[in-house]
PDB file of N, CA and C in Angstrom:
ATOM      1  N   MET A   1      16.438 -23.599  -1.396  1.00  0.00           N
ATOM      2  CA  MET A   1      17.026 -22.384  -0.821  1.00  0.00           C
ATOM      3  C   MET A   1      16.597 -21.151  -1.626  1.00  0.00           C
ATOM      4  N   ASP A   2      16.634 -21.285  -2.930  1.00  0.00           N
ATOM      5  CA  ASP A   2      16.236 -20.175  -3.802  1.00  0.00           C
ATOM      6  C   ASP A   2      14.758 -19.817  -3.583  1.00  0.00           C
ATOM      7  N   VAL A   3      13.958 -20.863  -3.449  1.00  0.00           N
ATOM      8  CA  VAL A   3      12.522 -20.653  -3.247  1.00  0.00           C
ATOM      9  C   VAL A   3      12.276 -19.944  -1.917  1.00  0.00           C
ATOM     10  N   GLU A   4      13.056 -20.328  -0.901  1.00  0.00           N
ATOM     11  CA  GLU A   4      12.888 -19.735   0.430  1.00  0.00           C
ATOM     12  C   GLU A   4      13.157 -18.227   0.386  1.00  0.00           C
ATOM     13  N   ILE A   5      14.254 -17.842  -0.280  1.00  0.00           N
ATOM     14  CA  ILE A   5      14.613 -16.421  -0.395  1.00  0.00           C
ATOM     15  C   ILE A   5      13.516 -15.671  -1.155  1.00  0.00           C
ATOM     16  N   ARG A   6      13.036 -16.280  -2.228  1.00  0.00           N
ATOM     17  CA  ARG A   6      11.992 -15.635  -3.037  1.00  0.00           C
ATOM     18  C   ARG A   6      10.718 -15.449  -2.208  1.00  0.00           C
ATOM     19  N   ASP A   7      10.392 -16.465  -1.393  1.00  0.00           N
ATOM     20  CA  ASP A   7       9.192 -16.398  -0.565  1.00  0.00           C
ATOM     21  C   ASP A   7       9.314 -15.280   0.465  1.00  0.00           C
ATOM     22  N   ARG A   8      10.514 -15.161   1.055  1.00  0.00           N
ATOM     23  CA  ARG A   8      10.735 -14.118   2.060  1.00  0.00           C
ATOM     24  C   ARG A   8      10.594 -12.736   1.423  1.00  0.00           C
ATOM     25  N   LYS A   9      11.168 -12.597   0.229  1.00  0.00           N
ATOM     26  CA  LYS A   9      11.105 -11.316  -0.485  1.00  0.00           C
ATOM     27  C   LYS A   9       9.645 -10.992  -0.826  1.00  0.00           C
ATOM     28  N   HIS A  10       8.915 -12.022  -1.246  1.00  0.00           N
ATOM     29  CA  HIS A  10       7.521 -11.864  -1.628  1.00  0.00           C
ATOM     30  C   HIS A  10       6.704 -11.357  -0.448  1.00  0.00           C
ATOM     31  N   ARG A  11       6.973 -11.928   0.735  1.00  0.00           N
ATOM     32  CA  ARG A  11       6.247 -11.532   1.931  1.00  0.00           C
ATOM     33  C   ARG A  11       6.508 -10.068   2.249  1.00  0.00           C
ATOM     34  N   ARG A  12       7.782  -9.664   2.142  1.00  0.00           N
ATOM     35  CA  ARG A  12       8.146  -8.281   2.445  1.00  0.00           C
ATOM     36  C   ARG A  12       7.456  -7.332   1.464  1.00  0.00           C
ATOM     37  N   TYR A  13       7.463  -7.705   0.183  1.00  0.00           N
ATOM     38  CA  TYR A  13       6.840  -6.849  -0.836  1.00  0.00           C
ATOM     39  C   TYR A  13       5.341  -6.724  -0.593  1.00  0.00           C
ATOM     40  N   ARG A  14       4.735  -7.814  -0.130  1.00  0.00           N
ATOM     41  CA  ARG A  14       3.291  -7.778   0.109  1.00  0.00           C
ATOM     42  C   ARG A  14       2.968  -6.777   1.211  1.00  0.00           C
ATOM     43  N   ARG A  15       3.816  -6.745   2.256  1.00  0.00           N
ATOM     44  CA  ARG A  15       3.600  -5.822   3.363  1.00  0.00           C
ATOM     45  C   ARG A  15       3.736  -4.382   2.882  1.00  0.00           C
ATOM     46  N   VAL A  16       4.751  -4.121   2.063  1.00  0.00           N
ATOM     47  CA  VAL A  16       4.973  -2.771   1.524  1.00  0.00           C
ATOM     48  C   VAL A  16       3.800  -2.382   0.640  1.00  0.00           C
ATOM     49  N   ASP A  17       3.294  -3.347  -0.140  1.00  0.00           N
ATOM     50  CA  ASP A  17       2.175  -3.085  -1.040  1.00  0.00           C
ATOM     51  C   ASP A  17       0.933  -2.689  -0.242  1.00  0.00           C
ATOM     52  N   ARG A  18       0.735  -3.354   0.896  1.00  0.00           N
ATOM     53  CA  ARG A  18      -0.425  -3.033   1.733  1.00  0.00           C
ATOM     54  C   ARG A  18      -0.313  -1.621   2.279  1.00  0.00           C
ATOM     55  N   VAL A  19       0.890  -1.252   2.706  1.00  0.00           N
ATOM     56  CA  VAL A  19       1.120   0.097   3.237  1.00  0.00           C
ATOM     57  C   VAL A  19       0.891   1.130   2.144  1.00  0.00           C
ATOM     58  N   ALA A  20       1.391   0.841   0.929  1.00  0.00           N
ATOM     59  CA  ALA A  20       1.228   1.768  -0.198  1.00  0.00           C
ATOM     60  C   ALA A  20      -0.261   1.936  -0.517  1.00  0.00           C
ATOM     61  N   ALA A  21      -0.999   0.841  -0.485  1.00  0.00           N
ATOM     62  CA  ALA A  21      -2.438   0.898  -0.762  1.00  0.00           C
ATOM     63  C   ALA A  21      -3.153   1.746   0.292  1.00  0.00           C
ATOM     64  N   LEU A  22      -2.727   1.590   1.548  1.00  0.00           N
ATOM     65  CA  LEU A  22      -3.334   2.360   2.633  1.00  0.00           C
ATOM     66  C   LEU A  22      -3.067   3.847   2.446  1.00  0.00           C
ATOM     67  N   ILE A  23      -1.831   4.193   2.059  1.00  0.00           N
ATOM     68  CA  ILE A  23      -1.456   5.593   1.828  1.00  0.00           C
ATOM     69  C   ILE A  23      -2.288   6.173   0.682  1.00  0.00           C
ATOM     70  N   TRP A  24      -2.405   5.398  -0.418  1.00  0.00           N
ATOM     71  CA  TRP A  24      -3.197   5.864  -1.558  1.00  0.00           C
ATOM     72  C   TRP A  24      -4.650   6.086  -1.143  1.00  0.00           C
ATOM     73  N   PHE A  25      -5.176   5.178  -0.306  1.00  0.00           N
ATOM     74  CA  PHE A  25      -6.556   5.295   0.159  1.00  0.00           C
ATOM     75  C   PHE A  25      -6.751   6.589   0.954  1.00  0.00           C
ATOM     76  N   VAL A  26      -5.791   6.892   1.835  1.00  0.00           N
ATOM     77  CA  VAL A  26      -5.863   8.114   2.643  1.00  0.00           C
ATOM     78  C   VAL A  26      -5.822   9.341   1.741  1.00  0.00           C
ATOM     79  N   ILE A  27      -4.938   9.321   0.723  1.00  0.00           N
ATOM     80  CA  ILE A  27      -4.814  10.457  -0.199  1.00  0.00           C
ATOM     81  C   ILE A  27      -6.135  10.679  -0.940  1.00  0.00           C
ATOM     82  N   VAL A  28      -6.727   9.597  -1.426  1.00  0.00           N
ATOM     83  CA  VAL A  28      -7.996   9.701  -2.163  1.00  0.00           C
ATOM     84  C   VAL A  28      -9.095  10.254  -1.259  1.00  0.00           C
ATOM     85  N   VAL A  29      -9.169   9.742  -0.026  1.00  0.00           N
ATOM     86  CA  VAL A  29     -10.195  10.215   0.913  1.00  0.00           C
ATOM     87  C   VAL A  29     -10.012  11.704   1.205  1.00  0.00           C
ATOM     88  N   LEU A  30      -8.769  12.119   1.418  1.00  0.00           N
ATOM     89  CA  LEU A  30      -8.500  13.538   1.681  1.00  0.00           C
ATOM     90  C   LEU A  30      -8.886  14.394   0.479  1.00  0.00           C
ATOM     91  N   ALA A  31      -8.599  13.907  -0.721  1.00  0.00           N
ATOM     92  CA  ALA A  31      -8.930  14.643  -1.941  1.00  0.00           C
ATOM     93  C   ALA A  31     -10.449  14.796  -2.065  1.00  0.00           C
ATOM     94  N   VAL A  32     -11.182  13.721  -1.797  1.00  0.00           N
ATOM     95  CA  VAL A  32     -12.641  13.759  -1.880  1.00  0.00           C
ATOM     96  C   VAL A  32     -13.200  14.724  -0.836  1.00  0.00           C
ATOM     97  N   ILE A  33     -12.667  14.666   0.368  1.00  0.00           N
ATOM     98  CA  ILE A  33     -13.140  15.563   1.442  1.00  0.00           C
ATOM     99  C   ILE A  33     -12.883  17.018   1.057  1.00  0.00           C
ATOM    100  N   SER A  34     -11.687  17.298   0.520  1.00  0.00           N
ATOM    101  CA  SER A  34     -11.368  18.673   0.132  1.00  0.00           C
ATOM    102  C   SER A  34     -12.298  19.148  -0.981  1.00  0.00           C
ATOM    103  N   LEU A  35     -12.660  18.244  -1.895  1.00  0.00           N
ATOM    104  CA  LEU A  35     -13.580  18.602  -2.973  1.00  0.00           C
ATOM    105  C   LEU A  35     -14.960  18.917  -2.405  1.00  0.00           C
ATOM    106  N   ILE A  36     -15.422  18.102  -1.465  1.00  0.00           N
ATOM    107  CA  ILE A  36     -16.742  18.304  -0.861  1.00  0.00           C
ATOM    108  C   ILE A  36     -16.757  19.614  -0.069  1.00  0.00           C
ATOM    109  N   VAL A  37     -15.702  19.859   0.688  1.00  0.00           N
ATOM    110  CA  VAL A  37     -15.625  21.076   1.511  1.00  0.00           C
ATOM    111  C   VAL A  37     -15.558  22.305   0.611  1.00  0.00           C
ATOM    112  N   ASP A  38     -14.801  22.201  -0.463  1.00  0.00           N
ATOM    113  CA  ASP A  38     -14.648  23.328  -1.380  1.00  0.00           C
ATOM    114  C   ASP A  38     -15.955  23.513  -2.150  1.00  0.00           C
TER     115      ASP A  38
END
């Protein structure tokens, strides 16, 4: 039972981590574009 809860939590965290990585990627791309444009 404990393992099941931990696994569920792990899955949720992985999804959030992917979203955070995507957001960071967008921020970096925007920063690079602004540098190139400037």
